Structures are given as structure tokens and as C-alpha cells.
């Protein structure tokens, strides 16, 4: 896996008790043995988060990234700050593993046409050293509370889970999420199961990974979703990679089109 501008899920033990004065750094997983190494090795400059950009830069980003990512203007707008607080109030910090306490769309007051976007391992929108990553439209599901390259900056719109090494469940009820994204992080068995469980019918998954990485799990996810992976570097796929030339991997897209079949007799 190539080094990306995102934190990745790894073996670090990061909890909600992390002290602001001495926050840890989320490790990067290296290919092929997935040993942890410091995420910041691949970058020499600090990232700037969306909240610190000018209004014109924000508008430019939203124009470039929101439409291709299917956040259509006709859908009900989502107040991310308020939505994040509702999730946290329900599931706690770090998020509970008690399925009876997972948050639902009803808990969040989401209408049928409101679109819930979750970025797995997300830290928010970043630009650094020619690499762009992250989203302004997502709640960031992460095990750390602070930016991996600038530990003085809190991750915006954060739903914090326990250490990734513990395979924490996503604190959402079944079929709650409309849109998952993940950039430069491993598509583990656990991620496959949780994405398939929490994604709504008709929902989309967009992963930025290299060809050959996690092929078995990509196939398993496609089967669970009743989908066929479509890659941005396939001219016939029709998939647009919004991060073309600004992020080191292509994008693969899946859509949940059918309920997974029950293999039991």
C-alpha cells in the first residue's frame, strides 16, 4: 500500500483518554507485511484542515468534490456539527460496542433523502505537499482524536472508536449509512463486515486503494453488496476519480444493489 495523506487503521492503541499535550501519531501500514511505521515519514509539510481555509478555497473544493461524490444539491442538507454531536451523545467517546446503543437514522433525525457520509479513518479535508485527501461532507470515523500530522489540531466531525487493533464495530445500526469512503487504509475482514452491515440499500462505497491490494476482501465486499467493483482507471467504467493526480491510488466504487443471499439451506 502506498503512503497516503490519510491516517490509516493500524496497530496503535489510541483511546479517548489521549492527552492533548502529548497526542500519539497513527501509524501507516506498509506493504506487504502491514508492519506499522510512522505515518509522517511520507510527508514533509503539515496539512491544513478545511476549517482553516478561506471561503473561496472552501467553495472551490465543494464545487470540485461534492457533486462527483453524489452529494447532490437536491438532497436534504446535513449539518455535520450538529449530526456529530447527536452521534456522540448517543454512543459515547470512544463509541460503545453495545449494539443496543448504536445510533439510527431516526435517532439522528435524518429524512429519507438526507445523505449520511462516513469516512473510515478520516481526518477531514487535507492538502499537503501536492497530496489532497479527505472530505468536507463526511463524519470522520477514527480511533484517534488529533490530526496525524499536526497533533495540535482536533479531527473535525469526529466519531471516535476504540483502537483499530480491537476491530471496534461501527456505532451505527444496520442500514444507516448512505455513503462510505476510505483512502489509503486497509480493507480488512472487519471493515468488509461493518460496511456491508451498516450500508443502506442503494448506498455507495468508494475506496482509494491499489490494484492487487486486498483483492480477496474486495471480492468479499462486492459479494455482500451484490455489486461489481468499478475502477477509475478503467476507461469503460465511467468512474470519476476526484483526486486524480493528487492522491497516489485509483478509486474503486461499489454500490449495494441487492440484499446478500442467505447461503444456508
Protein backbone atom coordinates (compact mmCIF):
# COMPACT_ATOMS: atom_id res chain seq x y z
CA UNK A 1 0.00 0.00 0.00
CA UNK A 2 1.29 3.42 -0.87
CA UNK A 3 1.73 6.10 1.73
CA UNK A 4 -1.24 8.43 1.59
CA UNK A 5 -2.20 11.75 3.10
CA UNK A 6 -4.61 9.97 5.43
CA UNK A 7 -4.13 8.24 8.71
CA UNK A 8 -4.66 4.50 8.44
CA UNK A 9 -6.10 1.89 10.70
CA UNK A 10 -3.21 0.06 12.34
CA UNK A 11 -1.89 -1.48 15.48
CA UNK A 12 -1.56 1.65 17.61
CA UNK A 13 -3.53 1.69 20.84
CA UNK A 14 -5.28 5.05 20.69
CA UNK A 15 -8.14 5.83 23.08
CA UNK A 16 -10.32 8.72 24.08
CA UNK A 17 -8.07 9.28 27.07
CA UNK A 18 -5.26 10.53 24.81
CA UNK A 19 -3.80 13.66 26.36
CA UNK A 20 -3.94 16.77 24.20
CA UNK A 21 -0.48 17.76 25.34
CA UNK A 22 1.08 14.51 24.18
CA UNK A 23 -1.07 13.02 21.40
CA UNK A 24 0.26 9.93 19.59
CA UNK A 25 0.70 9.52 15.87
CA UNK A 26 -1.40 6.99 13.97
CA UNK A 27 0.91 4.54 12.17
CA UNK A 28 0.96 3.83 8.44
CA UNK A 29 0.63 0.24 7.29
CA UNK A 30 3.31 -0.79 4.86
CA UNK A 31 3.06 -3.31 2.03
CA UNK A 32 3.32 -6.28 2.01
CA UNK A 33 3.69 -7.22 5.66
CA UNK A 34 1.49 -4.44 7.10
CA UNK A 35 4.06 -3.58 9.77
CA UNK A 36 3.41 -0.24 11.47
CA UNK A 37 5.59 2.73 10.63
CA UNK A 38 5.25 6.42 11.35
CA UNK A 39 2.68 7.97 9.05
CA UNK A 40 4.53 11.24 8.80
CA UNK A 41 7.58 9.69 7.08
CA UNK A 42 5.98 10.23 3.69
CA UNK A 43 5.31 13.93 4.14
CA UNK A 44 7.43 16.93 4.97
CA UNK A 45 4.80 19.57 5.42
CA UNK A 46 1.90 19.91 7.79
CA UNK A 47 -1.61 19.58 6.46
CA UNK A 48 -4.15 22.35 6.65
CA UNK A 49 -7.68 21.41 7.58
CA UNK A 50 -10.77 22.67 5.86
CA UNK A 51 -11.73 24.88 8.78
CA UNK A 52 -8.60 26.96 8.25
CA UNK A 53 -9.06 27.58 4.53
CA UNK A 54 -10.58 30.74 3.10
CA UNK A 55 -14.20 30.93 1.99
CA UNK A 56 -13.13 30.96 -1.65
CA UNK A 57 -11.00 27.86 -1.15
CA UNK A 58 -13.87 26.12 0.60
CA UNK A 59 -16.23 26.98 -2.24
CA UNK A 60 -13.72 25.79 -4.82
CA UNK A 61 -13.29 22.48 -3.01
CA UNK A 62 -17.02 21.91 -2.58
CA UNK A 63 -17.62 22.65 -6.26
CA UNK A 64 -14.92 20.20 -7.27
CA UNK A 65 -15.62 17.36 -4.88
CA UNK A 66 -19.21 17.42 -3.69
CA UNK A 67 -21.02 16.72 -6.98
CA UNK A 68 -18.86 13.78 -8.17
CA UNK A 69 -19.24 12.27 -4.70
CA UNK A 70 -23.01 12.20 -5.20
CA UNK A 71 -23.81 14.82 -2.56
CA UNK A 72 -26.48 16.31 -4.81
CA UNK A 73 -27.87 19.74 -4.14
CA UNK A 74 -31.41 18.33 -4.31
CA UNK A 75 -30.81 16.20 -1.22
CA UNK A 76 -31.57 17.46 2.26
CA UNK A 77 -28.50 19.33 3.59
CA UNK A 78 -26.86 17.79 6.64
CA UNK A 79 -25.50 19.93 9.48
CA UNK A 80 -22.33 17.94 10.20
CA UNK A 81 -21.50 19.61 13.50
CA UNK A 82 -24.96 19.00 14.90
CA UNK A 83 -25.05 15.49 13.46
CA UNK A 84 -21.70 14.63 15.02
CA UNK A 85 -22.91 15.79 18.43
CA UNK A 86 -26.05 13.67 18.15
CA UNK A 87 -23.95 10.58 17.36
CA UNK A 88 -21.53 11.24 20.21
CA UNK A 89 -24.34 11.89 22.67
CA UNK A 90 -25.80 8.52 21.76
CA UNK A 91 -22.73 6.27 21.51
CA UNK A 92 -20.15 8.00 23.73
CA UNK A 93 -16.39 8.52 23.40
CA UNK A 94 -14.92 6.18 22.43
CA UNK A 95 -18.04 4.72 20.87
CA UNK A 96 -19.76 1.87 22.65
CA UNK A 97 -19.52 -1.71 21.39
CA UNK A 98 -23.02 -2.41 22.72
CA UNK A 99 -25.16 -2.92 19.62
CA UNK A 100 -28.28 -1.90 21.54
CA UNK A 101 -26.80 1.60 21.85
CA UNK A 102 -25.83 2.04 18.19
CA UNK A 103 -27.28 5.13 16.57
CA UNK A 104 -30.07 5.00 13.97
CA UNK A 105 -31.25 7.41 11.32
CA UNK A 106 -34.30 8.06 13.49
CA UNK A 107 -32.03 8.98 16.41
CA UNK A 108 -30.26 11.45 14.15
CA UNK A 109 -33.45 12.91 12.74
CA UNK A 110 -32.39 12.10 9.18
CA UNK A 111 -35.03 12.22 6.49
CA UNK A 112 -35.19 9.57 3.77
CA UNK A 113 -33.36 11.80 1.30
CA UNK A 114 -30.69 13.04 3.71
CA UNK A 115 -27.32 11.51 2.86
CA UNK A 116 -25.08 10.22 5.66
CA UNK A 117 -21.44 10.07 4.57
CA UNK A 118 -18.86 8.30 6.77
CA UNK A 119 -15.12 8.48 6.03
CA UNK A 120 -13.40 5.48 7.60
CA UNK A 121 -10.14 6.60 9.20
CA UNK A 122 -10.94 10.14 8.10
CA UNK A 123 -9.32 13.31 9.38
CA UNK A 124 -11.21 15.84 7.27
CA UNK A 125 -10.12 17.63 4.11
CA UNK A 126 -6.34 17.95 3.72
CA UNK A 127 -3.89 19.42 1.26
CA UNK A 128 -0.17 18.84 1.81
CA UNK A 129 2.92 18.53 -0.34
CA UNK A 130 0.90 18.04 -3.52
CA UNK A 131 -1.38 15.41 -1.99
CA UNK A 132 -5.09 16.02 -1.44
CA UNK A 133 -7.34 13.81 0.66
CA UNK A 134 -10.40 13.84 2.85
CA UNK A 135 -13.87 15.30 2.61
CA UNK A 136 -15.94 18.20 3.84
CA UNK A 137 -19.16 16.20 3.59
CA UNK A 138 -18.32 13.35 5.99
CA UNK A 139 -18.36 12.35 9.60
CA UNK A 140 -14.87 11.03 10.33
CA UNK A 141 -14.81 7.57 11.95
CA UNK A 142 -11.42 7.30 13.62
CA UNK A 143 -9.61 5.82 16.62
CA UNK A 144 -7.54 8.95 17.21
CA UNK A 145 -8.72 12.39 18.21
CA UNK A 146 -6.00 14.56 16.68
CA UNK A 147 -4.61 15.13 13.23
CA UNK A 148 -1.85 12.63 12.44
CA UNK A 149 0.49 15.30 11.05
CA UNK A 150 -0.49 18.24 13.21
CA UNK A 151 -1.22 16.97 16.72
CA UNK A 152 -2.46 20.37 17.87
CA UNK A 153 -5.49 20.12 15.58
CA UNK A 154 -8.53 18.06 16.52
CA UNK A 155 -10.12 15.93 13.82
CA UNK A 156 -13.34 17.69 12.77
CA UNK A 157 -16.73 15.96 12.88
CA UNK A 158 -15.19 13.03 14.72
CA UNK A 159 -16.92 9.83 15.78
CA UNK A 160 -14.19 8.21 17.81
CA UNK A 161 -13.90 4.45 18.21
CA UNK A 162 -11.51 2.38 20.30
CA UNK A 163 -8.20 1.14 18.93
CA UNK A 164 -8.39 -0.22 15.36
CA UNK A 165 -6.44 -3.26 16.62
CA UNK A 166 -9.54 -4.21 18.61
CA UNK A 167 -11.77 -4.25 15.49
CA UNK A 168 -14.30 -1.86 17.00
CA UNK A 169 -17.78 -2.04 15.49
CA UNK A 170 -19.07 0.97 13.62
CA UNK A 171 -21.52 2.52 16.12
CA UNK A 172 -24.39 2.65 13.61
CA UNK A 173 -27.41 0.41 13.35
CA UNK A 174 -27.86 -1.84 10.33
CA UNK A 175 -28.53 0.01 7.06
CA UNK A 176 -27.91 3.51 8.42
CA UNK A 177 -25.14 4.90 6.19
CA UNK A 178 -25.61 6.09 2.59
CA UNK A 179 -22.01 6.60 1.59
CA UNK A 180 -18.69 5.20 2.81
CA UNK A 181 -15.27 6.46 1.75
CA UNK A 182 -11.83 5.17 2.72
CA UNK A 183 -8.48 6.37 1.49
CA UNK A 184 -5.17 4.58 1.90
CA UNK A 185 -6.41 2.32 4.69
CA UNK A 186 -6.58 -1.48 4.75
CA UNK A 187 -9.79 -3.20 3.65
CA UNK A 188 -9.76 -5.73 6.48
CA UNK A 189 -12.26 -8.54 7.09
CA UNK A 190 -13.71 -6.40 9.86
CA UNK A 191 -14.19 -3.40 7.58
CA UNK A 192 -15.89 -5.58 4.99
CA UNK A 193 -18.36 -6.89 7.56
CA UNK A 194 -19.12 -3.50 9.09
CA UNK A 195 -19.51 -1.69 5.77
CA UNK A 196 -21.88 -4.38 4.50
CA UNK A 197 -23.88 -4.33 7.72
CA UNK A 198 -24.35 -0.58 8.05
CA UNK A 199 -24.72 0.47 4.39
CA UNK A 200 -28.24 1.21 3.18
CA UNK A 201 -29.78 -0.33 0.09
CA UNK A 202 -28.60 1.73 -2.87
CA UNK A 203 -25.68 3.12 -0.86
CA UNK A 204 -22.20 3.55 -2.29
CA UNK A 205 -18.69 2.64 -1.19
CA UNK A 206 -15.65 4.45 -2.60
CA UNK A 207 -12.20 3.11 -1.77
CA UNK A 208 -8.85 4.56 -2.80
CA UNK A 209 -6.56 1.51 -2.95
CA UNK A 210 -4.07 -0.03 -5.36
CA UNK A 211 -4.90 -2.88 -7.69
CA UNK A 212 -3.79 -6.13 -6.06
CA UNK A 213 -4.24 -4.84 -2.52
CA UNK A 214 -6.91 -6.70 -0.56
CA UNK A 215 -8.32 -8.44 -3.64
CA UNK A 216 -9.96 -11.21 -1.61
CA UNK A 217 -11.66 -8.73 0.70
CA UNK A 218 -12.73 -6.51 -2.17
CA UNK A 219 -14.34 -9.57 -3.78
CA UNK A 220 -16.00 -10.46 -0.47
CA UNK A 221 -17.38 -6.93 -0.08
CA UNK A 222 -18.69 -6.95 -3.65
CA UNK A 223 -20.48 -10.23 -2.97
CA UNK A 224 -22.04 -8.89 0.23
CA UNK A 225 -23.29 -5.81 -1.60
CA UNK A 226 -24.41 -7.61 -4.75
CA UNK A 227 -22.05 -5.36 -6.68
CA UNK A 228 -19.25 -5.39 -9.24
CA UNK A 229 -16.18 -3.25 -8.46
CA UNK A 230 -15.61 -0.43 -10.95
CA UNK A 231 -12.18 1.20 -11.13
CA UNK A 232 -11.47 4.80 -12.04
CA UNK A 233 -8.53 3.79 -14.23
CA UNK A 234 -10.79 1.63 -16.43
CA UNK A 235 -11.86 3.91 -19.30
CA UNK A 236 -15.10 1.97 -19.70
CA UNK A 237 -16.14 2.14 -16.04
CA UNK A 238 -17.46 5.68 -16.08
CA UNK A 239 -15.96 6.23 -12.62
CA UNK A 240 -14.53 9.68 -11.92
CA UNK A 241 -11.57 9.91 -9.55
CA UNK A 242 -11.92 13.33 -7.94
CA UNK A 243 -8.37 13.01 -6.59
CA UNK A 244 -6.72 12.22 -9.93
CA UNK A 245 -3.03 13.23 -9.82
CA UNK A 246 -3.43 14.45 -6.24
CA UNK A 247 -3.68 11.09 -4.43
CA UNK A 248 -1.43 8.09 -5.09
CA UNK A 249 -4.04 5.39 -5.80
CA UNK A 250 -7.02 4.87 -8.12
CA UNK A 251 -10.58 4.70 -6.83
CA UNK A 252 -12.85 1.66 -6.83
CA UNK A 253 -16.61 2.03 -6.45
CA UNK A 254 -19.26 -0.43 -5.30
CA UNK A 255 -22.98 0.01 -4.79
CA UNK A 256 -25.34 -2.00 -2.62
CA UNK A 257 -27.91 -3.17 -5.12
CA UNK A 258 -29.36 -6.30 -3.53
CA UNK A 259 -29.66 -7.86 -0.14
CA UNK A 260 -26.93 -10.52 0.29
CA UNK A 261 -28.20 -14.01 -0.32
CA UNK A 262 -28.52 -16.42 2.59
CA UNK A 263 -26.21 -19.33 1.87
CA UNK A 264 -27.90 -21.53 4.45
CA UNK A 265 -30.18 -24.29 3.20
